[in-house]
C-alpha atoms as a PDB file:
ATOM      1  CA  MET A   1      -0.926   6.845 -22.775  1.00  0.00           C
ATOM      2  CA  SER A   2       0.941   7.803 -19.420  1.00  0.00           C
ATOM      3  CA  PRO A   3       0.170   5.887 -16.338  1.00  0.00           C
ATOM      4  CA  ARG A   4      -1.936   7.195 -13.766  1.00  0.00           C
ATOM      5  CA  ALA A   5      -0.374   8.199 -10.031  1.00  0.00           C
ATOM      6  CA  ASN A   6      -1.815   5.555  -7.437  1.00  0.00           C
ATOM      7  CA  TRP A   7      -1.304   8.272  -4.547  1.00  0.00           C
ATOM      8  CA  LYS A   8      -0.342  12.127  -4.574  1.00  0.00           C
ATOM      9  CA  GLY A   9       0.901  13.752  -1.587  1.00  0.00           C
ATOM     10  CA  SER A  10       3.992  15.599  -0.374  1.00  0.00           C
ATOM     11  CA  LEU A  11       7.506  14.275   0.676  1.00  0.00           C
ATOM     12  CA  LYS A  12       8.614  15.942   3.948  1.00  0.00           C
ATOM     13  CA  ILE A  13      12.000  16.400   5.503  1.00  0.00           C
ATOM     14  CA  ALA A  14      12.432  18.462   8.225  1.00  0.00           C
ATOM     15  CA  GLU A  15      10.986  21.903   6.824  1.00  0.00           C
ATOM     16  CA  LEU A  16      10.942  20.997   3.256  1.00  0.00           C
ATOM     17  CA  THR A  17       7.767  19.664   1.642  1.00  0.00           C
ATOM     18  CA  CYS A  18       8.023  18.591  -2.154  1.00  0.00           C
ATOM     19  CA  PRO A  19       4.595  17.691  -3.943  1.00  0.00           C
ATOM     20  CA  VAL A  20       5.043  13.985  -5.345  1.00  0.00           C
ATOM     21  CA  ALA A  21       3.238  11.118  -6.884  1.00  0.00           C
ATOM     22  CA  LEU A  22       3.616   7.297  -6.456  1.00  0.00           C
ATOM     23  CA  TYR A  23       3.303   4.886  -9.243  1.00  0.00           C
ATOM     24  CA  SER A  24       3.384   1.506  -9.420  1.00  0.00           C
ATOM     25  CA  ALA A  25       6.503   0.007 -10.368  1.00  0.00           C
ATOM     26  CA  THR A  26       5.097  -3.778 -11.090  1.00  0.00           C
ATOM     27  CA  SER A  27       2.113  -4.806 -12.856  1.00  0.00           C
ATOM     28  CA  THR A  28      -0.118  -7.929 -12.284  1.00  0.00           C
ATOM     29  CA  SER A  29      -2.154  -7.356 -15.496  1.00  0.00           C
ATOM     30  CA  ASP A  30      -0.496  -9.665 -17.509  1.00  0.00           C
ATOM     31  CA  ARG A  31      -1.033 -12.750 -15.319  1.00  0.00           C
ATOM     32  CA  ILE A  32      -3.714 -14.979 -16.835  1.00  0.00           C
ATOM     33  CA  ALA A  33      -6.896 -15.344 -14.493  1.00  0.00           C
ATOM     34  CA  PHE A  34      -9.362 -18.224 -14.517  1.00  0.00           C
ATOM     35  CA  HIS A  35     -12.752 -18.139 -14.106  1.00  0.00           C
ATOM     36  CA  THR A  36     -14.984 -20.922 -12.657  1.00  0.00           C
ATOM     37  CA  ILE A  37     -17.258 -22.116 -15.282  1.00  0.00           C
ATOM     38  CA  ASN A  38     -20.301 -24.301 -14.906  1.00  0.00           C
ATOM     39  CA  ARG A  39     -19.263 -27.455 -17.137  1.00  0.00           C
ATOM     40  CA  LEU A  40     -22.906 -28.121 -18.345  1.00  0.00           C
ATOM     41  CA  THR A  41     -23.491 -24.743 -19.637  1.00  0.00           C
ATOM     42  CA  GLY A  42     -20.491 -23.046 -20.091  1.00  0.00           C
ATOM     43  CA  HIS A  43     -21.666 -20.234 -18.232  1.00  0.00           C
ATOM     44  CA  ARG A  44     -19.577 -18.076 -15.354  1.00  0.00           C
ATOM     45  CA  VAL A  45     -20.510 -19.267 -11.888  1.00  0.00           C
ATOM     46  CA  ARG A  46     -21.464 -16.808  -9.079  1.00  0.00           C
ATOM     47  CA  ARG A  47     -20.336 -16.923  -5.491  1.00  0.00           C
ATOM     48  CA  ASN A  48     -23.168 -16.705  -2.790  1.00  0.00           C
ATOM     49  CA  PHE A  49     -22.636 -16.168   0.815  1.00  0.00           C
ATOM     50  CA  VAL A  50     -24.554 -18.488   2.871  1.00  0.00           C
ATOM     51  CA  ASP A  51     -24.934 -19.192   6.642  1.00  0.00           C
ATOM     52  CA  SER A  52     -22.668 -21.995   7.544  1.00  0.00           C
ATOM     53  CA  GLU A  53     -25.194 -23.418   9.972  1.00  0.00           C
ATOM     54  CA  THR A  54     -28.532 -23.029   8.126  1.00  0.00           C
ATOM     55  CA  GLY A  55     -27.005 -22.934   4.642  1.00  0.00           C
ATOM     56  CA  GLU A  56     -29.350 -19.925   3.917  1.00  0.00           C
ATOM     57  CA  PRO A  57     -28.135 -17.178   1.430  1.00  0.00           C
ATOM     58  CA  VAL A  58     -27.405 -14.051   3.418  1.00  0.00           C
ATOM     59  CA  GLU A  59     -28.206 -10.657   1.841  1.00  0.00           C
ATOM     60  CA  SER A  60     -24.967  -8.279   1.714  1.00  0.00           C
ATOM     61  CA  GLY A  61     -27.155  -5.788   4.089  1.00  0.00           C
ATOM     62  CA  ASP A  62     -27.004  -8.715   6.564  1.00  0.00           C
ATOM     63  CA  GLN A  63     -23.290  -9.471   6.289  1.00  0.00           C
ATOM     64  CA  VAL A  64     -20.851  -7.711   8.711  1.00  0.00           C
ATOM     65  CA  LYS A  65     -17.049  -8.320   9.557  1.00  0.00           C
ATOM     66  CA  GLY A  66     -16.513 -10.460  12.473  1.00  0.00           C
ATOM     67  CA  TYR A  67     -13.080 -11.255  14.144  1.00  0.00           C
ATOM     68  CA  GLU A  68     -12.636 -14.951  15.758  1.00  0.00           C
ATOM     69  CA  VAL A  69     -11.516 -14.936  19.427  1.00  0.00           C
ATOM     70  CA  GLY A  70     -12.738 -18.671  19.859  1.00  0.00           C
ATOM     71  CA  LYS A  71     -14.403 -21.532  18.246  1.00  0.00           C
ATOM     72  CA  ASN A  72     -17.159 -20.274  16.615  1.00  0.00           C
ATOM     73  CA  GLU A  73     -16.874 -17.141  18.856  1.00  0.00           C
ATOM     74  CA  TYR A  74     -16.885 -13.711  17.094  1.00  0.00           C
ATOM     75  CA  VAL A  75     -16.171 -10.164  17.760  1.00  0.00           C
ATOM     76  CA  VAL A  76     -18.815  -8.294  15.463  1.00  0.00           C
ATOM     77  CA  LEU A  77     -17.688  -5.181  14.083  1.00  0.00           C
ATOM     78  CA  GLU A  78     -19.815  -2.803  12.197  1.00  0.00           C
ATOM     79  CA  PRO A  79     -18.700  -0.774   9.182  1.00  0.00           C
ATOM     80  CA  GLU A  80     -18.882   2.234  11.262  1.00  0.00           C
ATOM     81  CA  GLU A  81     -16.520   0.714  13.898  1.00  0.00           C
ATOM     82  CA  ILE A  82     -14.184  -0.464  10.867  1.00  0.00           C
ATOM     83  CA  ALA A  83     -14.597   3.223   9.357  1.00  0.00           C
ATOM     84  CA  GLN A  84     -13.292   5.052  12.818  1.00  0.00           C
ATOM     85  CA  ALA A  85     -10.111   2.531  13.409  1.00  0.00           C
ATOM     86  CA  THR A  86      -9.220   3.054   9.759  1.00  0.00           C
ATOM     87  CA  PRO A  87      -6.151   5.576  10.044  1.00  0.00           C
ATOM     88  CA  LYS A  88      -6.804   9.055   8.579  1.00  0.00           C
ATOM     89  CA  SER A  89      -4.346  10.229   5.739  1.00  0.00           C
ATOM     90  CA  ASP A  90      -2.688  13.731   5.600  1.00  0.00           C
ATOM     91  CA  LYS A  91      -1.329  12.668   2.347  1.00  0.00           C
ATOM     92  CA  THR A  92       2.227  12.931   3.496  1.00  0.00           C
ATOM     93  CA  LEU A  93       5.484  10.750   3.403  1.00  0.00           C
ATOM     94  CA  ALA A  94       6.945  11.964   6.275  1.00  0.00           C
ATOM     95  CA  ILE A  95      10.797  11.226   6.746  1.00  0.00           C
ATOM     96  CA  GLU A  96      11.784  10.276   9.978  1.00  0.00           C
ATOM     97  CA  THR A  97      15.309   9.152   9.729  1.00  0.00           C
ATOM     98  CA  PHE A  98      17.954   8.152   7.137  1.00  0.00           C
ATOM     99  CA  VAL A  99      19.787   4.737   6.998  1.00  0.00           C
ATOM    100  CA  ASP A 100      22.683   3.470   4.806  1.00  0.00           C
ATOM    101  CA  CYS A 101      21.831   2.138   1.733  1.00  0.00           C
ATOM    102  CA  GLY A 102      21.396  -1.976   1.887  1.00  0.00           C
ATOM    103  CA  GLU A 103      20.675  -1.924   5.729  1.00  0.00           C
ATOM    104  CA  ILE A 104      17.127  -2.843   5.631  1.00  0.00           C
ATOM    105  CA  ASP A 105      16.909  -6.780   4.979  1.00  0.00           C
ATOM    106  CA  ALA A 106      15.133  -7.536   1.448  1.00  0.00           C
ATOM    107  CA  VAL A 107      12.691  -9.516   3.712  1.00  0.00           C
ATOM    108  CA  TYR A 108      10.918  -6.723   4.856  1.00  0.00           C
ATOM    109  CA  PHE A 109      10.248  -5.208   1.064  1.00  0.00           C
ATOM    110  CA  ASP A 110       6.744  -5.321   0.036  1.00  0.00           C
ATOM    111  CA  LYS A 111       5.782  -3.102  -3.153  1.00  0.00           C
ATOM    112  CA  PRO A 112       7.713  -0.792  -5.153  1.00  0.00           C
ATOM    113  CA  TYR A 113       6.705   2.518  -6.307  1.00  0.00           C
ATOM    114  CA  TYR A 114       8.083   5.034  -8.344  1.00  0.00           C
ATOM    115  CA  LEU A 115       8.321   8.512  -6.595  1.00  0.00           C
ATOM    116  CA  SER A 116       8.416  11.395  -8.703  1.00  0.00           C
ATOM    117  CA  PRO A 117       7.554  15.203  -8.383  1.00  0.00           C
ATOM    118  CA  SER A 118       3.705  15.918  -9.100  1.00  0.00           C
ATOM    119  CA  GLN A 119       4.235  19.489 -10.207  1.00  0.00           C
ATOM    120  CA  SER A 120       6.910  20.935 -12.254  1.00  0.00           C
ATOM    121  CA  ASP A 121       8.167  23.570  -9.974  1.00  0.00           C
ATOM    122  CA  ALA A 122       8.989  20.858  -7.488  1.00  0.00           C
ATOM    123  CA  ASN A 123      11.646  19.111 -10.131  1.00  0.00           C
ATOM    124  CA  GLU A 124      14.587  21.352  -8.716  1.00  0.00           C
ATOM    125  CA  LEU A 125      13.658  20.288  -5.063  1.00  0.00           C
ATOM    126  CA  PHE A 126      13.294  16.639  -6.055  1.00  0.00           C
ATOM    127  CA  VAL A 127      16.355  16.448  -7.692  1.00  0.00           C
ATOM    128  CA  LEU A 128      18.274  18.001  -4.605  1.00  0.00           C
ATOM    129  CA  ILE A 129      16.738  15.177  -2.328  1.00  0.00           C
ATOM    130  CA  ARG A 130      17.444  12.700  -4.431  1.00  0.00           C
ATOM    131  CA  GLU A 131      21.116  13.655  -5.327  1.00  0.00           C
ATOM    132  CA  GLY A 132      21.883  14.198  -1.658  1.00  0.00           C
ATOM    133  CA  MET A 133      20.732  10.955  -0.876  1.00  0.00           C
ATOM    134  CA  ARG A 134      22.796   9.438  -3.657  1.00  0.00           C
ATOM    135  CA  LYS A 135      26.030  11.314  -2.789  1.00  0.00           C
ATOM    136  CA  ASN A 136      25.516  10.327   0.684  1.00  0.00           C
ATOM    137  CA  LYS A 137      24.617   6.509  -0.107  1.00  0.00           C
ATOM    138  CA  VAL A 138      21.654   6.715   2.398  1.00  0.00           C
ATOM    139  CA  ALA A 139      17.975   5.841   2.166  1.00  0.00           C
ATOM    140  CA  ALA A 140      15.073   7.487   3.689  1.00  0.00           C
ATOM    141  CA  LEU A 141      12.507   5.878   6.171  1.00  0.00           C
ATOM    142  CA  ALA A 142       9.172   7.569   6.043  1.00  0.00           C
ATOM    143  CA  LYS A 143       5.701   7.014   7.638  1.00  0.00           C
ATOM    144  CA  THR A 144       2.468   7.686   5.870  1.00  0.00           C
ATOM    145  CA  VAL A 145      -1.314   6.084   5.306  1.00  0.00           C
ATOM    146  CA  LEU A 146      -1.276   4.446   1.830  1.00  0.00           C
ATOM    147  CA  PHE A 147      -4.973   3.102   0.956  1.00  0.00           C
ATOM    148  CA  ARG A 148      -6.306   3.426   4.062  1.00  0.00           C
ATOM    149  CA  ARG A 149      -3.378   1.393   6.074  1.00  0.00           C
ATOM    150  CA  ALA A 150      -0.443   2.698   8.108  1.00  0.00           C
ATOM    151  CA  ARG A 151       2.908   2.330   6.348  1.00  0.00           C
ATOM    152  CA  THR A 152       6.632   2.439   6.554  1.00  0.00           C
ATOM    153  CA  VAL A 153       8.223   3.203   3.468  1.00  0.00           C
ATOM    154  CA  LEU A 154      11.742   3.062   2.227  1.00  0.00           C
ATOM    155  CA  ILE A 155      12.720   5.763  -0.084  1.00  0.00           C
ATOM    156  CA  SER A 156      16.044   5.549  -2.205  1.00  0.00           C
ATOM    157  CA  ALA A 157      17.755   7.062  -5.464  1.00  0.00           C
ATOM    158  CA  TYR A 158      16.776   5.291  -8.396  1.00  0.00           C
ATOM    159  CA  GLY A 159      17.724   6.341 -11.643  1.00  0.00           C
ATOM    160  CA  ASP A 160      16.337   9.614 -12.490  1.00  0.00           C
ATOM    161  CA  GLY A 161      13.594   9.522  -9.824  1.00  0.00           C
ATOM    162  CA  LEU A 162      13.406   7.907  -6.215  1.00  0.00           C
ATOM    163  CA  LEU A 163      11.992   4.281  -5.618  1.00  0.00           C
ATOM    164  CA  ALA A 164       9.284   4.030  -2.520  1.00  0.00           C
ATOM    165  CA  THR A 165       9.572   0.562  -1.124  1.00  0.00           C
ATOM    166  CA  THR A 166       6.360  -0.299   1.334  1.00  0.00           C
ATOM    167  CA  LEU A 167       7.905  -2.293   4.093  1.00  0.00           C
ATOM    168  CA  ASN A 168       6.437  -5.239   5.870  1.00  0.00           C
ATOM    169  CA  PHE A 169       6.086  -5.071   9.694  1.00  0.00           C
ATOM    170  CA  ASP A 170       7.771  -7.423  11.731  1.00  0.00           C
ATOM    171  CA  TYR A 171       4.773  -9.509  12.487  1.00  0.00           C
ATOM    172  CA  GLU A 172       4.193 -10.061   8.848  1.00  0.00           C
ATOM    173  CA  VAL A 173       7.633 -11.536   8.348  1.00  0.00           C
ATOM    174  CA  ARG A 174       7.877 -15.239   9.228  1.00  0.00           C
ATOM    175  CA  SER A 175      11.015 -16.652  10.817  1.00  0.00           C
END
Protein backbone atom coordinates (compact mmCIF):
# COMPACT_ATOMS: atom_id res chain seq x y z
CA MET A 1 0.00 0.00 0.00
CA SER A 2 1.47 3.36 -0.98
CA PRO A 3 1.76 6.06 1.67
CA ARG A 4 -0.93 8.70 1.95
CA ALA A 5 0.06 12.35 1.54
CA ASN A 6 0.05 14.43 4.73
CA TRP A 7 -0.54 17.61 2.71
CA LYS A 8 -1.22 18.58 -0.90
CA GLY A 9 -0.71 21.99 -2.43
CA SER A 10 1.57 23.92 -4.76
CA LEU A 11 5.25 24.76 -4.80
CA LYS A 12 5.54 28.34 -6.08
CA ILE A 13 8.74 29.92 -7.39
CA ALA A 14 8.11 33.37 -8.90
CA GLU A 15 5.61 32.64 -11.72
CA LEU A 16 6.12 28.86 -11.71
CA THR A 17 3.63 26.70 -9.83
CA CYS A 18 4.08 22.95 -9.40
CA PRO A 19 1.44 20.75 -7.71
CA VAL A 20 3.13 18.80 -4.90
CA ALA A 21 2.43 16.50 -1.96
CA LEU A 22 4.22 16.07 1.38
CA TYR A 23 4.83 12.64 2.91
CA SER A 24 6.30 12.05 6.38
CA ALA A 25 9.93 11.03 6.09
CA THR A 26 9.94 9.58 9.60
CA SER A 27 7.50 7.51 11.62
CA THR A 28 6.71 7.06 15.28
CA SER A 29 4.27 4.18 14.72
CA ASP A 30 6.82 1.55 15.75
CA ARG A 31 7.39 3.10 19.16
CA ILE A 32 6.17 1.21 22.19
CA ALA A 33 3.15 2.83 23.84
CA PHE A 34 2.15 2.14 27.42
CA HIS A 35 -1.32 2.50 28.91
CA THR A 36 -2.15 3.17 32.54
CA ILE A 37 -3.83 0.12 34.05
CA ASN A 38 -5.68 -0.40 37.33
CA ARG A 39 -3.40 -2.83 39.14
CA LEU A 40 -6.38 -4.49 40.94
CA THR A 41 -8.76 -5.00 37.99
CA GLY A 42 -6.44 -4.97 34.97
CA HIS A 43 -8.69 -2.40 33.27
CA ARG A 44 -7.42 0.73 31.54
CA VAL A 45 -7.66 3.92 33.58
CA ARG A 46 -9.52 6.87 32.06
CA ARG A 47 -8.35 10.44 32.65
CA ASN A 48 -10.98 12.88 33.91
CA PHE A 49 -10.65 16.65 34.01
CA VAL A 50 -11.47 18.07 37.43
CA ASP A 51 -11.62 21.61 38.81
CA SER A 52 -8.32 22.24 40.64
CA GLU A 53 -10.09 23.97 43.57
CA THR A 54 -13.34 22.02 44.01
CA GLY A 55 -12.17 18.62 42.78
CA GLU A 56 -15.44 18.31 40.82
CA PRO A 57 -15.41 16.79 37.30
CA VAL A 58 -15.68 19.36 34.47
CA GLU A 59 -17.71 18.37 31.40
CA SER A 60 -16.03 18.90 28.01
CA GLY A 61 -18.57 21.61 27.07
CA ASP A 62 -17.49 23.63 30.12
CA GLN A 63 -13.78 23.41 29.31
CA VAL A 64 -12.00 26.30 27.54
CA LYS A 65 -8.37 27.18 26.88
CA GLY A 66 -6.61 29.71 29.07
CA TYR A 67 -3.26 31.49 28.98
CA GLU A 68 -1.65 32.11 32.37
CA VAL A 69 -0.75 35.79 32.86
CA GLY A 70 -0.08 35.61 36.61
CA LYS A 71 -0.37 33.18 39.51
CA ASN A 72 -3.85 31.64 39.14
CA GLU A 73 -4.74 34.41 36.66
CA TYR A 74 -5.77 33.45 33.13
CA VAL A 75 -6.93 35.03 29.92
CA VAL A 76 -9.74 32.74 28.75
CA LEU A 77 -10.01 31.99 25.02
CA GLU A 78 -13.20 30.65 23.50
CA PRO A 79 -12.94 28.13 20.62
CA GLU A 80 -14.20 30.79 18.18
CA GLU A 81 -11.40 33.18 19.22
CA ILE A 82 -8.79 30.47 18.73
CA ALA A 83 -10.26 29.64 15.30
CA GLN A 84 -10.03 33.32 14.28
CA ALA A 85 -6.36 33.43 15.30
CA THR A 86 -5.49 30.26 13.37
CA PRO A 87 -3.70 31.18 10.11
CA LYS A 88 -5.57 30.38 6.92
CA SER A 89 -3.86 28.12 4.41
CA ASP A 90 -3.77 28.77 0.68
CA LYS A 91 -2.03 25.39 0.23
CA THR A 92 1.08 27.05 -1.22
CA LEU A 93 4.75 26.50 -0.40
CA ALA A 94 5.87 29.99 -1.45
CA ILE A 95 9.63 30.08 -2.02
CA GLU A 96 11.00 33.38 -0.75
CA THR A 97 14.73 32.93 -1.25
CA PHE A 98 17.52 30.45 -1.93
CA VAL A 99 20.43 29.78 0.42
CA ASP A 100 23.63 27.78 0.07
CA CYS A 101 23.21 24.16 1.13
CA GLY A 102 24.45 23.81 4.69
CA GLU A 103 23.85 27.48 5.54
CA ILE A 104 20.99 26.72 7.95
CA ASP A 105 22.16 25.36 11.32
CA ALA A 106 20.79 21.85 11.94
CA VAL A 107 19.55 22.93 15.39
CA TYR A 108 16.65 24.63 13.55
CA PHE A 109 15.53 21.42 11.79
CA ASP A 110 12.17 20.16 13.03
CA LYS A 111 10.41 17.50 10.94
CA PRO A 112 11.45 16.16 7.51
CA TYR A 113 8.96 15.41 4.73
CA TYR A 114 9.44 13.97 1.27
CA LEU A 115 8.13 16.39 -1.35
CA SER A 116 7.01 14.99 -4.68
CA PRO A 117 4.81 16.01 -7.60
CA SER A 118 1.15 15.27 -6.92
CA GLN A 119 0.19 15.06 -10.61
CA SER A 120 2.00 13.19 -13.37
CA ASP A 121 1.95 16.22 -15.69
CA ALA A 122 4.05 18.10 -13.09
CA ASN A 123 6.97 15.63 -13.21
CA GLU A 124 8.99 17.59 -15.77
CA LEU A 125 8.71 20.90 -13.90
CA PHE A 126 9.47 19.17 -10.60
CA VAL A 127 12.67 17.60 -12.02
CA LEU A 128 13.69 20.98 -13.48
CA ILE A 129 13.32 22.63 -10.05
CA ARG A 130 15.15 19.81 -8.23
CA GLU A 131 18.05 19.63 -10.69
CA GLY A 132 18.40 23.43 -10.77
CA MET A 133 18.75 23.44 -7.00
CA ARG A 134 21.18 20.51 -7.08
CA LYS A 135 23.35 22.07 -9.83
CA ASN A 136 23.56 25.40 -8.00
CA LYS A 137 24.06 23.71 -4.59
CA VAL A 138 21.22 25.71 -3.05
CA ALA A 139 18.17 25.03 -0.91
CA ALA A 140 14.97 27.06 -0.86
CA LEU A 141 13.32 28.77 2.08
CA ALA A 142 9.54 28.76 1.76
CA LYS A 143 6.64 30.01 3.86
CA THR A 144 3.39 28.11 4.24
CA VAL A 145 0.67 27.08 6.67
CA LEU A 146 0.96 23.41 7.63
CA PHE A 147 -1.53 21.81 9.97
CA ARG A 148 -2.97 25.18 11.11
CA ARG A 149 0.47 26.64 11.93
CA ALA A 150 2.55 29.19 9.98
CA ARG A 151 5.84 27.49 9.12
CA THR A 152 9.14 28.15 7.40
CA VAL A 153 10.30 25.18 5.35
CA LEU A 154 13.76 24.36 4.00
CA ILE A 155 13.49 22.57 0.64
CA SER A 156 16.53 20.75 -0.75
CA ALA A 157 17.33 18.22 -3.47
CA TYR A 158 17.27 14.72 -2.04
CA GLY A 159 17.73 11.63 -4.19
CA ASP A 160 15.04 11.55 -6.88
CA GLY A 161 12.89 14.06 -5.02
CA LEU A 162 12.99 16.99 -2.66
CA LEU A 163 13.22 17.04 1.11
CA ALA A 164 11.04 19.65 2.85
CA THR A 165 12.11 20.17 6.45
CA THR A 166 10.03 22.35 8.75
CA LEU A 167 12.20 24.73 10.73
CA ASN A 168 11.97 25.78 14.35
CA PHE A 169 11.65 29.50 15.03
CA ASP A 170 14.41 31.32 16.95
CA TYR A 171 12.31 31.39 20.12
CA GLU A 172 11.94 27.58 20.00
CA VAL A 173 15.69 26.92 20.00
CA ARG A 174 17.41 26.92 23.37
CA SER A 175 20.75 28.66 23.56
